[in-house]
Amino acid sequence: MIIPEKEMSPVKIEIPFVAALVLIGTSLSTRVAGQGVEQALLSTVIEYSLNGRLRRVVSALVGRLCLVAHR
């Protein structure tokens, strides 16, 4: 039996997206006030890049640990 998927309302999609944009904008404006525009943009990009890379490394390590634990 196939269960039909519920359609998601555009409003339910937009609210988390807008909240994320507000959070990023607030963080960036705080950095601009303290560091200046160019330095704030550069440091934000570097931080987000490093956080993404760190998440990938950690998830790969956790995956390997799970495989070893199940042997």
Protein backbone atom coordinates (compact mmCIF):
# COMPACT_ATOMS: atom_id res chain seq x y z
CA MET A 1 0.00 0.00 0.00
CA ILE A 2 1.36 3.40 -0.98
CA ILE A 3 0.85 6.19 1.52
CA PRO A 4 0.51 9.59 -0.16
CA GLU A 5 2.94 12.20 1.07
CA LYS A 6 1.52 15.31 2.63
CA GLU A 7 2.19 18.50 0.76
CA MET A 8 4.23 20.96 2.77
CA SER A 9 2.97 24.49 2.97
CA PRO A 10 5.31 27.16 1.55
CA VAL A 11 4.95 29.03 4.85
CA LYS A 12 6.36 26.09 6.80
CA ILE A 13 9.37 26.09 4.49
CA GLU A 14 9.92 29.84 4.55
CA ILE A 15 9.90 30.35 8.33
CA PRO A 16 13.05 28.28 9.09
CA PHE A 17 14.75 29.75 6.03
CA VAL A 18 14.01 33.32 7.12
CA ALA A 19 15.09 32.52 10.67
CA ALA A 20 18.42 31.20 9.37
CA LEU A 21 18.93 34.33 7.27
CA VAL A 22 18.17 36.57 10.25
CA LEU A 23 20.61 34.63 12.42
CA ILE A 24 23.37 34.85 9.78
CA GLY A 25 22.65 38.55 9.23
CA THR A 26 22.78 39.28 12.95
CA SER A 27 26.06 37.43 13.33
CA LEU A 28 27.56 39.17 10.33
CA SER A 29 26.42 42.64 11.42
CA THR A 30 27.97 42.06 14.86
CA ARG A 31 31.26 41.11 13.22
CA VAL A 32 31.12 44.14 10.92
CA ALA A 33 30.70 46.41 13.93
CA GLY A 34 33.77 44.90 15.58
CA GLN A 35 36.06 44.09 12.66
CA GLY A 36 35.03 46.08 9.61
CA VAL A 37 33.26 44.89 6.47
CA GLU A 38 36.08 43.13 4.62
CA GLN A 39 37.50 41.35 7.67
CA ALA A 40 34.03 40.30 8.84
CA LEU A 41 33.11 38.80 5.46
CA LEU A 42 36.43 36.98 5.20
CA SER A 43 36.33 35.58 8.74
CA THR A 44 32.70 34.45 8.31
CA VAL A 45 33.47 32.59 5.09
CA ILE A 46 36.52 30.93 6.65
CA GLU A 47 34.58 29.90 9.76
CA TYR A 48 31.68 28.42 7.78
CA SER A 49 34.12 26.55 5.50
CA LEU A 50 36.07 25.11 8.42
CA ASN A 51 32.87 24.12 10.25
CA GLY A 52 31.61 22.27 7.18
CA ARG A 53 34.91 20.46 6.73
CA LEU A 54 35.02 19.57 10.44
CA ARG A 55 31.48 18.14 10.29
CA ARG A 56 32.45 15.92 7.34
CA VAL A 57 35.57 14.65 9.12
CA VAL A 58 33.67 13.94 12.34
CA SER A 59 30.86 12.11 10.54
CA ALA A 60 33.41 10.00 8.65
CA LEU A 61 35.16 9.10 11.92
CA VAL A 62 31.90 8.24 13.63
CA GLY A 63 30.92 6.07 10.68
CA ARG A 64 34.21 4.19 10.87
CA LEU A 65 33.88 3.74 14.63
CA CYS A 66 30.39 2.29 14.17
CA LEU A 67 31.69 -0.16 11.58
CA VAL A 68 34.51 -1.27 13.88
CA ALA A 69 32.16 -1.62 16.86
CA HIS A 70 29.80 -3.91 14.94
CA ARG A 71 32.52 -6.38 13.92
